[in-house]
C-alpha atoms as a PDB file:
ATOM      1  CA  MET A   1    -119.543-103.073 -33.201  1.00  0.00           C
ATOM      2  CA  THR A   2    -120.686-106.065 -34.830  1.00  0.00           C
ATOM      3  CA  GLU A   3    -120.164-109.814 -33.712  1.00  0.00           C
ATOM      4  CA  LEU A   4    -117.768-109.999 -36.991  1.00  0.00           C
ATOM      5  CA  GLN A   5    -115.980-106.768 -36.157  1.00  0.00           C
ATOM      6  CA  GLU A   6    -115.482-108.043 -32.520  1.00  0.00           C
ATOM      7  CA  ALA A   7    -114.313-111.517 -33.885  1.00  0.00           C
ATOM      8  CA  PHE A   8    -111.607-109.727 -36.228  1.00  0.00           C
ATOM      9  CA  LEU A   9    -110.591-107.624 -33.367  1.00  0.00           C
ATOM     10  CA  ASN A  10    -109.930-110.415 -30.846  1.00  0.00           C
ATOM     11  CA  GLU A  11    -108.277-111.953 -33.577  1.00  0.00           C
ATOM     12  CA  LEU A  12    -105.860-109.212 -34.082  1.00  0.00           C
ATOM     13  CA  LYS A  13    -105.153-108.827 -30.210  1.00  0.00           C
ATOM     14  CA  SER A  14    -104.523-112.643 -30.057  1.00  0.00           C
ATOM     15  CA  ASN A  15    -100.934-112.184 -31.252  1.00  0.00           C
ATOM     16  CA  PRO A  16     -98.917-109.244 -30.844  1.00  0.00           C
ATOM     17  CA  LYS A  17     -96.247-110.394 -33.271  1.00  0.00           C
ATOM     18  CA  PHE A  18     -98.160-110.791 -36.562  1.00  0.00           C
ATOM     19  CA  THR A  19     -96.019-110.196 -39.687  1.00  0.00           C
ATOM     20  CA  VAL A  20     -97.610-107.961 -42.407  1.00  0.00           C
ATOM     21  CA  ALA A  21     -98.564-111.289 -44.341  1.00  0.00           C
ATOM     22  CA  GLU A  22    -100.391-112.867 -41.295  1.00  0.00           C
ATOM     23  CA  TYR A  23    -102.317-109.378 -40.963  1.00  0.00           C
ATOM     24  CA  ALA A  24    -103.237-109.503 -44.673  1.00  0.00           C
ATOM     25  CA  ASP A  25    -104.381-113.091 -44.265  1.00  0.00           C
ATOM     26  CA  LEU A  26    -106.560-112.210 -41.424  1.00  0.00           C
ATOM     27  CA  TYR A  27    -107.637-109.075 -43.318  1.00  0.00           C
ATOM     28  CA  ASN A  28    -108.832-111.397 -46.248  1.00  0.00           C
ATOM     29  CA  LYS A  29    -110.543-113.974 -43.945  1.00  0.00           C
ATOM     30  CA  HIS A  30    -112.504-111.507 -42.006  1.00  0.00           C
ATOM     31  CA  SER A  31    -113.129-109.425 -45.254  1.00  0.00           C
ATOM     32  CA  THR A  32    -114.720-112.323 -47.044  1.00  0.00           C
ATOM     33  CA  LEU A  33    -116.784-113.147 -43.561  1.00  0.00           C
ATOM     34  CA  ALA A  34    -118.158-109.544 -43.646  1.00  0.00           C
ATOM     35  CA  ILE A  35    -118.912-109.793 -47.385  1.00  0.00           C
ATOM     36  CA  GLU A  36    -120.912-112.985 -46.870  1.00  0.00           C
ATOM     37  CA  ASP A  37    -122.666-111.436 -44.039  1.00  0.00           C
ATOM     38  CA  GLU A  38    -123.763-108.505 -45.988  1.00  0.00           C
ATOM     39  CA  VAL A  39    -125.075-110.669 -48.987  1.00  0.00           C
ATOM     40  CA  ASN A  40    -126.809-112.847 -46.620  1.00  0.00           C
ATOM     41  CA  SER A  41    -128.534-109.494 -45.234  1.00  0.00           C
ATOM     42  CA  GLY A  42    -129.748-108.745 -48.746  1.00  0.00           C
ATOM     43  CA  ALA A  43    -127.126-106.569 -50.215  1.00  0.00           C
ATOM     44  CA  ASP A  44    -126.222-106.877 -53.911  1.00  0.00           C
ATOM     45  CA  GLU A  45    -122.718-107.979 -54.555  1.00  0.00           C
ATOM     46  CA  HIS A  46    -121.169-104.465 -55.161  1.00  0.00           C
ATOM     47  CA  ARG A  47    -122.842-102.989 -52.005  1.00  0.00           C
ATOM     48  CA  ALA A  48    -121.739-105.986 -50.088  1.00  0.00           C
ATOM     49  CA  LYS A  49    -118.136-105.892 -51.049  1.00  0.00           C
ATOM     50  CA  ALA A  50    -117.825-102.187 -50.269  1.00  0.00           C
ATOM     51  CA  MET A  51    -119.336-102.385 -46.929  1.00  0.00           C
ATOM     52  CA  GLY A  52    -117.529-105.649 -45.961  1.00  0.00           C
ATOM     53  CA  ASN A  53    -114.309-104.151 -46.829  1.00  0.00           C
ATOM     54  CA  TYR A  54    -115.326-100.811 -45.166  1.00  0.00           C
ATOM     55  CA  TYR A  55    -115.983-102.647 -41.794  1.00  0.00           C
ATOM     56  CA  THR A  56    -112.823-104.746 -42.018  1.00  0.00           C
ATOM     57  CA  VAL A  57    -110.501-101.689 -42.690  1.00  0.00           C
ATOM     58  CA  ALA A  58    -112.115 -99.638 -39.969  1.00  0.00           C
ATOM     59  CA  VAL A  59    -111.246-102.426 -37.436  1.00  0.00           C
ATOM     60  CA  LEU A  60    -107.736-102.772 -38.839  1.00  0.00           C
ATOM     61  CA  SER A  61    -107.016 -99.210 -38.983  1.00  0.00           C
ATOM     62  CA  ASN A  62    -108.033 -98.640 -35.263  1.00  0.00           C
ATOM     63  CA  PHE A  63    -105.919-101.504 -34.381  1.00  0.00           C
ATOM     64  CA  ILE A  64    -102.604-100.555 -36.341  1.00  0.00           C
ATOM     65  CA  ASN A  65    -101.296 -97.313 -35.334  1.00  0.00           C
ATOM     66  CA  ASN A  66     -98.499 -97.384 -38.115  1.00  0.00           C
ATOM     67  CA  GLU A  67     -99.666 -95.969 -41.290  1.00  0.00           C
ATOM     68  CA  ASN A  68     -96.992 -97.166 -43.458  1.00  0.00           C
ATOM     69  CA  LYS A  69     -97.606-100.819 -42.025  1.00  0.00           C
ATOM     70  CA  LEU A  70    -101.405-100.357 -42.354  1.00  0.00           C
ATOM     71  CA  ALA A  71    -100.671 -99.602 -46.174  1.00  0.00           C
ATOM     72  CA  ARG A  72     -98.571-102.478 -46.621  1.00  0.00           C
ATOM     73  CA  ILE A  73    -101.110-104.709 -44.954  1.00  0.00           C
ATOM     74  CA  ILE A  74    -104.000-103.406 -47.257  1.00  0.00           C
ATOM     75  CA  ALA A  75    -101.988-103.460 -50.367  1.00  0.00           C
ATOM     76  CA  LEU A  76    -100.795-107.147 -49.880  1.00  0.00           C
ATOM     77  CA  ALA A  77    -104.405-108.308 -48.990  1.00  0.00           C
ATOM     78  CA  GLU A  78    -105.901-106.763 -51.674  1.00  0.00           C
ATOM     79  CA  THR A  79    -103.400-107.339 -54.457  1.00  0.00           C
ATOM     80  CA  GLY A  80    -100.916-109.895 -53.134  1.00  0.00           C
ATOM     81  CA  THR A  81     -98.180-107.371 -53.697  1.00  0.00           C
ATOM     82  CA  LYS A  82     -95.795-106.037 -51.067  1.00  0.00           C
ATOM     83  CA  TYR A  83     -94.333-102.629 -51.081  1.00  0.00           C
END
């Protein structure tokens, strides 16, 4: 696990009562950091975004056991839309 993924997981563990919106904010924060890291490693913008989002979703999906909640978090993070 990369340092960025570990940092994300530690932040997720820091508060067991995050709301969906708070999880979405964390997702966006760490996704942005992961994308920036990929760009700094030489990836083009498209690949950096794909890999950064992949790493972030992988950590979040391993942490959130409820698929409905996970879907709501990702939808809110990516579109700003709750469902």
